Protein backbone atom coordinates (compact mmCIF):
# COMPACT_ATOMS: atom_id res chain seq x y z
CA UNK A 1 0.00 -0.01 0.04
CA UNK A 2 1.11 3.53 -0.94
CA UNK A 3 0.59 6.69 1.25
CA UNK A 4 -0.71 9.69 -0.44
CA UNK A 5 2.83 11.42 0.21
CA UNK A 6 4.50 8.45 -1.47
CA UNK A 7 2.15 8.49 -4.45
CA UNK A 8 2.70 12.42 -4.68
CA UNK A 9 6.42 11.64 -5.06
CA UNK A 10 5.94 9.16 -7.49
CA UNK A 11 3.56 11.33 -9.62
CA UNK A 12 6.14 14.31 -9.30
CA UNK A 13 8.81 11.94 -10.67
CA UNK A 14 6.86 10.85 -13.57
CA UNK A 15 5.68 14.52 -14.36
CA UNK A 16 8.91 15.40 -16.34
CA UNK A 17 7.83 18.60 -17.49
CA UNK A 18 6.21 19.53 -14.17
CA UNK A 19 2.89 20.63 -15.86
CA UNK A 20 0.70 18.69 -13.20
CA UNK A 21 0.04 16.04 -15.55
CA UNK A 22 1.45 12.46 -16.51
CA UNK A 23 1.09 11.80 -20.15
CA UNK A 24 1.41 8.40 -21.84
CA UNK A 25 4.73 9.32 -23.03
CA UNK A 26 5.83 9.99 -19.42
CA UNK A 27 4.62 6.58 -18.51
CA UNK A 28 6.43 4.78 -21.28
CA UNK A 29 9.78 6.79 -20.63
CA UNK A 30 9.66 5.30 -16.96
CA UNK A 31 8.79 1.56 -17.33
CA UNK A 32 9.84 0.91 -13.66
CA UNK A 33 7.49 3.57 -12.35
CA UNK A 34 4.90 2.72 -14.87
CA UNK A 35 4.89 -0.90 -13.42
CA UNK A 36 4.43 0.74 -9.82
CA UNK A 37 1.53 2.60 -11.17
CA UNK A 38 -0.06 -0.38 -12.65
CA UNK A 39 0.36 -2.48 -9.42
CA UNK A 40 -1.16 0.28 -7.34
CA UNK A 41 -4.11 0.91 -9.69
CA UNK A 42 -4.62 -2.75 -10.56
CA UNK A 43 -4.30 -1.92 -14.28
CA UNK A 44 -2.31 -3.82 -16.78
CA UNK A 45 -0.84 -0.99 -18.86
CA UNK A 46 -0.51 2.75 -19.18
CA UNK A 47 -3.16 2.73 -21.86
CA UNK A 48 -5.57 0.96 -19.51
CA UNK A 49 -4.98 3.65 -16.88
CA UNK A 50 -5.79 6.31 -19.27
CA UNK A 51 -8.88 4.52 -20.57
CA UNK A 52 -10.27 4.08 -16.99
CA UNK A 53 -9.09 6.92 -15.12
CA UNK A 54 -8.62 9.99 -17.56
CA UNK A 55 -11.75 11.62 -16.41
CA UNK A 56 -11.33 14.75 -18.50
CA UNK A 57 -10.21 12.70 -21.51
CA UNK A 58 -7.27 14.95 -22.21
CA UNK A 59 -4.75 12.13 -22.75
CA UNK A 60 -3.06 12.51 -19.46
CA UNK A 61 -3.37 11.82 -15.78
CA UNK A 62 -3.50 14.37 -13.06
CA UNK A 63 -2.47 13.54 -9.46
CA UNK A 64 -6.20 13.66 -8.38
CA UNK A 65 -7.15 11.24 -11.21
CA UNK A 66 -4.33 8.87 -10.27
CA UNK A 67 -5.23 9.13 -6.48
CA UNK A 68 -8.86 8.14 -7.58
CA UNK A 69 -7.44 5.19 -9.37
CA UNK A 70 -5.24 4.15 -6.48
CA UNK A 71 -8.20 4.56 -4.04
CA UNK A 72 -10.54 2.42 -6.10
CA UNK A 73 -7.94 -0.33 -6.23
CA UNK A 74 -7.81 0.02 -2.39
CA UNK A 75 -4.13 0.62 -2.19
CA UNK A 76 -3.99 4.00 -0.59
CA UNK A 77 -3.43 4.36 3.06
């Protein structure tokens, strides 16, 4: 399980351009971190994460969207 602070640190690491969003490219450029995200959200790929949790359909995941995904997977303390 991940704390919200740990999730924020992971998100900030993935958000390479610091725009507050993690794009599909960010996820593919960091395969190890993407694997952590996939396990924390119970998704099998970055594409599945975007399809299921990109609520505004902008092609990227915000921290809040990621937090919802982890909470739905019951992996957030």
